[in-house]
C-alpha atoms as a PDB file:
ATOM      1  CA  MET A   1     -20.654   4.585 -13.553  1.00  0.00           C
ATOM      2  CA  SER A   2     -20.740   1.179 -15.259  1.00  0.00           C
ATOM      3  CA  MET A   3     -22.472  -1.901 -13.859  1.00  0.00           C
ATOM      4  CA  GLY A   4     -19.048  -3.556 -13.649  1.00  0.00           C
ATOM      5  CA  SER A   5     -17.724  -0.764 -11.434  1.00  0.00           C
ATOM      6  CA  GLN A   6     -20.773  -0.944  -9.180  1.00  0.00           C
ATOM      7  CA  LYS A   7     -20.381  -4.700  -8.851  1.00  0.00           C
ATOM      8  CA  LYS A   8     -16.746  -4.213  -7.834  1.00  0.00           C
ATOM      9  CA  ILE A   9     -17.824  -1.708  -5.183  1.00  0.00           C
ATOM     10  CA  ASP A  10     -20.462  -4.131  -3.902  1.00  0.00           C
ATOM     11  CA  ARG A  11     -17.865  -6.907  -3.717  1.00  0.00           C
ATOM     12  CA  GLY A  12     -15.552  -4.545  -1.862  1.00  0.00           C
ATOM     13  CA  LEU A  13     -18.255  -3.755   0.657  1.00  0.00           C
ATOM     14  CA  GLU A  14     -18.884  -7.447   1.195  1.00  0.00           C
ATOM     15  CA  GLU A  15     -15.219  -7.794   2.162  1.00  0.00           C
ATOM     16  CA  LEU A  16     -15.805  -5.515   5.132  1.00  0.00           C
ATOM     17  CA  GLY A  17     -17.116  -8.568   6.961  1.00  0.00           C
ATOM     18  CA  LYS A  18     -19.086  -8.669  10.146  1.00  0.00           C
ATOM     19  CA  ILE A  19     -18.919  -5.566  12.258  1.00  0.00           C
ATOM     20  CA  GLY A  20     -18.334  -7.416  15.531  1.00  0.00           C
ATOM     21  CA  GLU A  21     -17.532  -5.728  18.804  1.00  0.00           C
ATOM     22  CA  ARG A  22     -17.799  -1.958  19.179  1.00  0.00           C
ATOM     23  CA  LYS A  23     -14.552   0.012  18.966  1.00  0.00           C
ATOM     24  CA  SER A  24     -16.571   2.435  18.465  1.00  0.00           C
ATOM     25  CA  LEU A  25     -18.634   1.065  15.618  1.00  0.00           C
ATOM     26  CA  GLY A  26     -17.800   4.124  13.523  1.00  0.00           C
ATOM     27  CA  GLN A  27     -14.062   3.498  13.966  1.00  0.00           C
ATOM     28  CA  HIS A  28     -14.494  -0.119  12.923  1.00  0.00           C
ATOM     29  CA  VAL A  29     -16.377   0.911   9.775  1.00  0.00           C
ATOM     30  CA  PHE A  30     -13.731   3.561   9.054  1.00  0.00           C
ATOM     31  CA  GLU A  31     -10.837   1.103   9.328  1.00  0.00           C
ATOM     32  CA  ASN A  32     -12.494  -1.496   7.125  1.00  0.00           C
ATOM     33  CA  LEU A  33     -13.622   0.993   4.493  1.00  0.00           C
ATOM     34  CA  LYS A  34     -10.139   2.500   4.424  1.00  0.00           C
ATOM     35  CA  ASN A  35      -8.606  -0.953   4.006  1.00  0.00           C
ATOM     36  CA  ALA A  36     -11.001  -1.730   1.149  1.00  0.00           C
ATOM     37  CA  ILE A  37      -9.990   1.521  -0.585  1.00  0.00           C
ATOM     38  CA  VAL A  38      -6.260   0.971  -0.059  1.00  0.00           C
ATOM     39  CA  LYS A  39      -6.478  -2.630  -1.285  1.00  0.00           C
ATOM     40  CA  GLY A  40      -8.424  -1.531  -4.357  1.00  0.00           C
ATOM     41  CA  ASP A  41     -11.583  -3.501  -3.456  1.00  0.00           C
ATOM     42  CA  ILE A  42     -13.393  -0.162  -3.747  1.00  0.00           C
ATOM     43  CA  PRO A  43     -11.698   1.478  -6.759  1.00  0.00           C
ATOM     44  CA  PRO A  44     -10.947   5.170  -7.449  1.00  0.00           C
ATOM     45  CA  GLY A  45     -14.049   6.866  -8.791  1.00  0.00           C
ATOM     46  CA  GLY A  46     -16.335   4.452  -6.969  1.00  0.00           C
ATOM     47  CA  ARG A  47     -19.406   6.128  -5.482  1.00  0.00           C
ATOM     48  CA  LEU A  48     -20.363   5.507  -1.857  1.00  0.00           C
ATOM     49  CA  ILE A  49     -23.803   6.398  -0.563  1.00  0.00           C
ATOM     50  CA  GLU A  50     -24.344   6.565   3.173  1.00  0.00           C
ATOM     51  CA  SER A  51     -27.783   4.908   3.194  1.00  0.00           C
ATOM     52  CA  ARG A  52     -26.667   2.094   0.921  1.00  0.00           C
ATOM     53  CA  LEU A  53     -23.568   1.428   3.029  1.00  0.00           C
ATOM     54  CA  ALA A  54     -25.639   1.279   6.203  1.00  0.00           C
ATOM     55  CA  GLU A  55     -28.094  -1.118   4.565  1.00  0.00           C
ATOM     56  CA  THR A  56     -25.294  -3.335   3.200  1.00  0.00           C
ATOM     57  CA  LEU A  57     -23.575  -3.524   6.584  1.00  0.00           C
ATOM     58  CA  GLY A  58     -26.832  -3.917   8.512  1.00  0.00           C
ATOM     59  CA  ILE A  59     -26.175  -0.999  10.852  1.00  0.00           C
ATOM     60  CA  SER A  60     -27.540   2.494  11.472  1.00  0.00           C
ATOM     61  CA  ARG A  61     -26.410   5.463   9.398  1.00  0.00           C
ATOM     62  CA  THR A  62     -24.687   7.251  12.319  1.00  0.00           C
ATOM     63  CA  PRO A  63     -21.456   5.143  12.442  1.00  0.00           C
ATOM     64  CA  VAL A  64     -21.348   5.089   8.635  1.00  0.00           C
ATOM     65  CA  ARG A  65     -21.622   8.888   8.540  1.00  0.00           C
ATOM     66  CA  GLU A  66     -18.826   9.122  11.145  1.00  0.00           C
ATOM     67  CA  ALA A  67     -16.571   6.838   9.066  1.00  0.00           C
ATOM     68  CA  ILE A  68     -17.274   8.594   5.765  1.00  0.00           C
ATOM     69  CA  HIS A  69     -16.531  12.048   7.112  1.00  0.00           C
ATOM     70  CA  LYS A  70     -13.260  10.820   8.641  1.00  0.00           C
ATOM     71  CA  LEU A  71     -12.256   9.310   5.293  1.00  0.00           C
ATOM     72  CA  GLU A  72     -13.113  12.616   3.632  1.00  0.00           C
ATOM     73  CA  ARG A  73     -10.909  14.523   6.096  1.00  0.00           C
ATOM     74  CA  GLU A  74      -8.009  12.128   5.432  1.00  0.00           C
ATOM     75  CA  GLY A  75      -8.267  12.595   1.665  1.00  0.00           C
ATOM     76  CA  TYR A  76      -9.740   9.246   0.619  1.00  0.00           C
ATOM     77  CA  LEU A  77     -13.173  10.566  -0.380  1.00  0.00           C
ATOM     78  CA  LYS A  78     -14.683  13.702  -1.870  1.00  0.00           C
ATOM     79  CA  LYS A  79     -18.289  14.844  -1.616  1.00  0.00           C
ATOM     80  CA  LEU A  80     -20.287  14.796  -4.845  1.00  0.00           C
ATOM     81  CA  SER A  81     -22.704  17.554  -5.803  1.00  0.00           C
ATOM     82  CA  ARG A  82     -25.289  14.950  -6.844  1.00  0.00           C
ATOM     83  CA  GLY A  83     -25.057  13.197  -3.492  1.00  0.00           C
ATOM     84  CA  GLY A  84     -22.797  10.583  -1.989  1.00  0.00           C
ATOM     85  CA  PHE A  85     -19.013  10.445  -2.012  1.00  0.00           C
ATOM     86  CA  SER A  86     -16.412   9.384  -4.571  1.00  0.00           C
ATOM     87  CA  VAL A  87     -13.208   7.479  -3.832  1.00  0.00           C
ATOM     88  CA  LEU A  88     -10.229   9.659  -4.726  1.00  0.00           C
ATOM     89  CA  GLY A  89      -7.390   8.386  -6.857  1.00  0.00           C
ATOM     90  CA  LEU A  90      -3.768   9.420  -6.448  1.00  0.00           C
ATOM     91  CA  SER A  91      -2.684  12.782  -7.827  1.00  0.00           C
ATOM     92  CA  ARG A  92       0.642  13.658  -9.440  1.00  0.00           C
ATOM     93  CA  GLU A  93       1.393  15.649  -6.305  1.00  0.00           C
ATOM     94  CA  ASP A  94       0.828  12.510  -4.194  1.00  0.00           C
ATOM     95  CA  VAL A  95       3.243  10.576  -6.395  1.00  0.00           C
ATOM     96  CA  GLU A  96       5.955  13.250  -6.338  1.00  0.00           C
ATOM     97  CA  GLU A  97       5.730  13.912  -2.619  1.00  0.00           C
ATOM     98  CA  THR A  98       5.432  10.325  -1.442  1.00  0.00           C
ATOM     99  CA  PHE A  99       8.286   8.982  -3.568  1.00  0.00           C
ATOM    100  CA  GLY A 100      10.486  11.931  -2.607  1.00  0.00           C
ATOM    101  CA  ILE A 101       9.988  11.242   1.090  1.00  0.00           C
ATOM    102  CA  ARG A 102      10.345   7.498   0.625  1.00  0.00           C
ATOM    103  CA  SER A 103      13.649   7.928  -1.208  1.00  0.00           C
ATOM    104  CA  VAL A 104      15.136   9.713   1.788  1.00  0.00           C
ATOM    105  CA  LEU A 105      13.683   7.535   4.541  1.00  0.00           C
ATOM    106  CA  GLU A 106      13.925   4.081   2.975  1.00  0.00           C
ATOM    107  CA  SER A 107      17.430   4.502   1.599  1.00  0.00           C
ATOM    108  CA  TYR A 108      18.573   5.591   5.067  1.00  0.00           C
ATOM    109  CA  ALA A 109      16.822   2.569   6.610  1.00  0.00           C
ATOM    110  CA  ALA A 110      18.684   0.287   4.190  1.00  0.00           C
ATOM    111  CA  ARG A 111      21.993   1.966   5.065  1.00  0.00           C
ATOM    112  CA  LEU A 112      21.366   1.355   8.776  1.00  0.00           C
ATOM    113  CA  ALA A 113      20.325  -2.240   8.060  1.00  0.00           C
ATOM    114  CA  ALA A 114      23.650  -2.873   6.319  1.00  0.00           C
ATOM    115  CA  GLN A 115      25.520  -1.470   9.285  1.00  0.00           C
ATOM    116  CA  LYS A 116      23.545  -3.010  12.151  1.00  0.00           C
ATOM    117  CA  HIS A 117      22.245  -6.429  11.050  1.00  0.00           C
ATOM    118  CA  ARG A 118      23.283  -9.794  12.384  1.00  0.00           C
ATOM    119  CA  LYS A 119      23.737 -12.694   9.991  1.00  0.00           C
ATOM    120  CA  THR A 120      20.625 -14.523  11.234  1.00  0.00           C
ATOM    121  CA  ASP A 121      18.508 -11.394  10.656  1.00  0.00           C
ATOM    122  CA  LEU A 122      18.728 -11.942   6.917  1.00  0.00           C
ATOM    123  CA  ILE A 123      17.060 -15.363   6.879  1.00  0.00           C
ATOM    124  CA  PRO A 124      13.464 -13.977   6.924  1.00  0.00           C
ATOM    125  CA  LEU A 125      14.350 -11.651   4.034  1.00  0.00           C
ATOM    126  CA  GLU A 126      15.663 -14.587   2.017  1.00  0.00           C
ATOM    127  CA  LYS A 127      12.426 -16.499   2.654  1.00  0.00           C
ATOM    128  CA  LYS A 128      10.287 -13.572   1.466  1.00  0.00           C
ATOM    129  CA  ILE A 129      12.301 -13.287  -1.739  1.00  0.00           C
ATOM    130  CA  LYS A 130      11.807 -17.007  -2.429  1.00  0.00           C
ATOM    131  CA  LEU A 131       8.081 -16.810  -1.643  1.00  0.00           C
ATOM    132  CA  TYR A 132       7.687 -13.803  -3.919  1.00  0.00           C
ATOM    133  CA  GLN A 133       9.561 -15.633  -6.700  1.00  0.00           C
ATOM    134  CA  LYS A 134       7.281 -18.659  -6.324  1.00  0.00           C
ATOM    135  CA  HIS A 135       4.147 -16.551  -6.792  1.00  0.00           C
ATOM    136  CA  LEU A 136       5.764 -14.597  -9.626  1.00  0.00           C
ATOM    137  CA  GLU A 137       6.591 -17.794 -11.532  1.00  0.00           C
ATOM    138  CA  SER A 138       3.036 -19.094 -11.064  1.00  0.00           C
ATOM    139  CA  LYS A 139       1.659 -15.768 -12.405  1.00  0.00           C
ATOM    140  CA  ASP A 140      -0.099 -15.076  -9.112  1.00  0.00           C
ATOM    141  CA  LEU A 141       0.512 -11.323  -9.270  1.00  0.00           C
ATOM    142  CA  ASN A 142      -2.270 -10.519  -6.796  1.00  0.00           C
ATOM    143  CA  ALA A 143      -0.219 -12.046  -3.968  1.00  0.00           C
ATOM    144  CA  LEU A 144       2.844  -9.903  -4.657  1.00  0.00           C
ATOM    145  CA  PRO A 145       1.943  -6.562  -2.978  1.00  0.00           C
ATOM    146  CA  ASP A 146       1.485  -8.187   0.442  1.00  0.00           C
ATOM    147  CA  ILE A 147       4.720 -10.197   0.156  1.00  0.00           C
ATOM    148  CA  ASN A 148       6.551  -7.107  -1.076  1.00  0.00           C
ATOM    149  CA  THR A 149       5.248  -5.131   1.893  1.00  0.00           C
ATOM    150  CA  GLU A 150       6.365  -7.855   4.304  1.00  0.00           C
ATOM    151  CA  PHE A 151       9.857  -7.818   2.774  1.00  0.00           C
ATOM    152  CA  HIS A 152      10.147  -4.068   3.229  1.00  0.00           C
ATOM    153  CA  ASP A 153       8.841  -4.239   6.794  1.00  0.00           C
ATOM    154  CA  LEU A 154      11.558  -6.758   7.639  1.00  0.00           C
ATOM    155  CA  LEU A 155      14.152  -4.557   5.980  1.00  0.00           C
ATOM    156  CA  TYR A 156      13.029  -1.444   7.874  1.00  0.00           C
ATOM    157  CA  ALA A 157      13.158  -3.389  11.150  1.00  0.00           C
ATOM    158  CA  LEU A 158      16.861  -4.088  10.614  1.00  0.00           C
ATOM    159  CA  SER A 159      17.511  -0.345  10.913  1.00  0.00           C
ATOM    160  CA  SER A 160      16.805  -0.669  14.663  1.00  0.00           C
ATOM    161  CA  SER A 161      15.405   2.868  14.513  1.00  0.00           C
ATOM    162  CA  PRO A 162      11.834   3.061  15.895  1.00  0.00           C
ATOM    163  CA  LYS A 163      11.460   6.735  14.937  1.00  0.00           C
ATOM    164  CA  LEU A 164      12.510   6.062  11.341  1.00  0.00           C
ATOM    165  CA  ILE A 165      10.185   3.051  11.071  1.00  0.00           C
ATOM    166  CA  HIS A 166       7.318   5.155  12.445  1.00  0.00           C
ATOM    167  CA  MET A 167       7.910   7.860   9.826  1.00  0.00           C
ATOM    168  CA  ILE A 168       7.952   5.302   7.011  1.00  0.00           C
ATOM    169  CA  ASN A 169       4.798   3.654   8.328  1.00  0.00           C
ATOM    170  CA  ASN A 170       2.977   6.980   8.246  1.00  0.00           C
ATOM    171  CA  LEU A 171       3.075   6.544   4.450  1.00  0.00           C
ATOM    172  CA  ARG A 172       2.099   2.877   4.576  1.00  0.00           C
ATOM    173  CA  ASP A 173      -1.316   3.139   2.941  1.00  0.00           C
ATOM    174  CA  GLN A 174      -0.171   5.329   0.066  1.00  0.00           C
ATOM    175  CA  ILE A 175       2.860   3.082  -0.468  1.00  0.00           C
ATOM    176  CA  TYR A 176       0.588   0.040  -0.706  1.00  0.00           C
ATOM    177  CA  ARG A 177      -1.585   1.694  -3.344  1.00  0.00           C
ATOM    178  CA  PHE A 178       1.527   2.416  -5.419  1.00  0.00           C
ATOM    179  CA  ARG A 179       2.799  -1.143  -4.996  1.00  0.00           C
ATOM    180  CA  GLN A 180      -0.450  -2.563  -6.291  1.00  0.00           C
ATOM    181  CA  LEU A 181      -0.149  -0.458  -9.420  1.00  0.00           C
ATOM    182  CA  ILE A 182       3.521  -1.265 -10.039  1.00  0.00           C
ATOM    183  CA  LEU A 183       3.367  -5.004  -9.343  1.00  0.00           C
ATOM    184  CA  ARG A 184       0.444  -5.739 -11.633  1.00  0.00           C
ATOM    185  CA  ASP A 185       2.981  -5.411 -14.455  1.00  0.00           C
ATOM    186  CA  GLU A 186       4.910  -8.691 -14.684  1.00  0.00           C
ATOM    187  CA  LEU A 187       8.135  -7.073 -15.910  1.00  0.00           C
ATOM    188  CA  MET A 188       8.109  -4.504 -13.104  1.00  0.00           C
ATOM    189  CA  ALA A 189       7.274  -7.250 -10.619  1.00  0.00           C
ATOM    190  CA  LYS A 190      10.316  -9.234 -11.750  1.00  0.00           C
ATOM    191  CA  MET A 191      12.587  -6.176 -11.598  1.00  0.00           C
ATOM    192  CA  SER A 192      11.360  -5.472  -8.083  1.00  0.00           C
ATOM    193  CA  ASN A 193      12.395  -8.905  -6.821  1.00  0.00           C
ATOM    194  CA  ASP A 194      15.721  -8.689  -8.651  1.00  0.00           C
ATOM    195  CA  ASP A 195      16.339  -5.431  -6.799  1.00  0.00           C
ATOM    196  CA  HIS A 196      15.440  -7.094  -3.513  1.00  0.00           C
ATOM    197  CA  LYS A 197      17.960  -9.861  -4.162  1.00  0.00           C
ATOM    198  CA  ASP A 198      20.607  -7.219  -4.877  1.00  0.00           C
ATOM    199  CA  MET A 199      19.657  -5.256  -1.745  1.00  0.00           C
ATOM    200  CA  LEU A 200      19.992  -8.371   0.371  1.00  0.00           C
ATOM    201  CA  GLU A 201      23.424  -9.145  -1.072  1.00  0.00           C
ATOM    202  CA  ARG A 202      24.683  -5.615  -0.435  1.00  0.00           C
ATOM    203  CA  ILE A 203      23.336  -5.686   3.113  1.00  0.00           C
ATOM    204  CA  ARG A 204      25.060  -9.046   3.648  1.00  0.00           C
ATOM    205  CA  ARG A 205      28.355  -7.456   2.490  1.00  0.00           C
ATOM    206  CA  ARG A 206      27.663  -4.451   4.758  1.00  0.00           C
ATOM    207  CA  ASP A 207      27.836  -2.214   1.714  1.00  0.00           C
ATOM    208  CA  ALA A 208      25.924   0.668   3.303  1.00  0.00           C
ATOM    209  CA  VAL A 209      26.627   3.178   0.527  1.00  0.00           C
ATOM    210  CA  GLY A 210      25.817   0.673  -2.224  1.00  0.00           C
ATOM    211  CA  VAL A 211      22.478  -0.435  -0.788  1.00  0.00           C
ATOM    212  CA  GLU A 212      21.469   3.156  -0.073  1.00  0.00           C
ATOM    213  CA  HIS A 213      22.111   4.043  -3.719  1.00  0.00           C
ATOM    214  CA  LEU A 214      20.268   0.937  -4.951  1.00  0.00           C
ATOM    215  CA  VAL A 215      17.156   1.752  -2.920  1.00  0.00           C
ATOM    216  CA  ARG A 216      17.066   5.239  -4.427  1.00  0.00           C
ATOM    217  CA  GLU A 217      17.291   3.738  -7.930  1.00  0.00           C
ATOM    218  CA  HIS A 218      14.619   1.159  -7.047  1.00  0.00           C
ATOM    219  CA  LEU A 219      12.219   3.889  -5.943  1.00  0.00           C
ATOM    220  CA  ALA A 220      13.013   6.072  -8.958  1.00  0.00           C
ATOM    221  CA  ARG A 221      11.954   3.195 -11.234  1.00  0.00           C
ATOM    222  CA  GLY A 222       8.786   2.734  -9.234  1.00  0.00           C
ATOM    223  CA  LYS A 223       7.943   6.414  -9.454  1.00  0.00           C
ATOM    224  CA  LYS A 224       8.482   6.369 -13.220  1.00  0.00           C
ATOM    225  CA  ALA A 225       6.153   3.379 -13.581  1.00  0.00           C
ATOM    226  CA  VAL A 226       3.443   5.078 -11.535  1.00  0.00           C
ATOM    227  CA  MET A 227       3.759   8.301 -13.518  1.00  0.00           C
ATOM    228  CA  GLU A 228       3.480   6.401 -16.791  1.00  0.00           C
ATOM    229  CA  SER A 229       0.307   4.726 -15.530  1.00  0.00           C
ATOM    230  CA  TYR A 230      -1.096   7.967 -14.144  1.00  0.00           C
ATOM    231  CA  ASP A 231      -4.220   7.913 -16.315  1.00  0.00           C
ATOM    232  CA  ASP A 232      -5.172   4.567 -14.760  1.00  0.00           C
ATOM    233  CA  LEU A 233      -5.282   6.193 -11.342  1.00  0.00           C
ATOM    234  CA  GLN A 234      -7.992   8.666 -12.213  1.00  0.00           C
END
């Protein structure tokens, strides 16, 4: 592993912050490590060593071991024969499965949003589109995944279907990793916001069929972009 990669891992670990109150401590370490992996602060292929993590965080090895093994069980890490753990990237199977499920769930959420929304419900969506556009025009691409996520959360909420929202949110971390990959490309980032503007207009017109179809197309483009960048994920 290159010195640059190790420095990125070290920076990612620094972002974990102070451990604070016990949750348990192991759960707190787990949540922060997972967030660092999802956000890309600790990149795919990065090596994590239990003793080094404990030393960096200033805690004992027991909560670190607890967190690492939970991340391994959830598919974020794999054990290395030479010692330590490696952060897993996203496989082709992850891409296929996640986008397939998203296409069904998110298009249905958009359909329900078109049918159930009130006029005032659309104001927050309009604000997110404008905020996204502002950062896009200033070339601040790093801000886009969070704004994009907030837009989609608002859209899902308009479905007024807690069960559907819960199912979508079960994929939240994988979705975020895909968004980071897609939105680092300026052209794809622009197309994404153009789609959001179109979605909003179709929802405003209560075009349930049209917005459902658009969301499927939107996700198909995203899947294609991820597949084309597959080598970058490894």
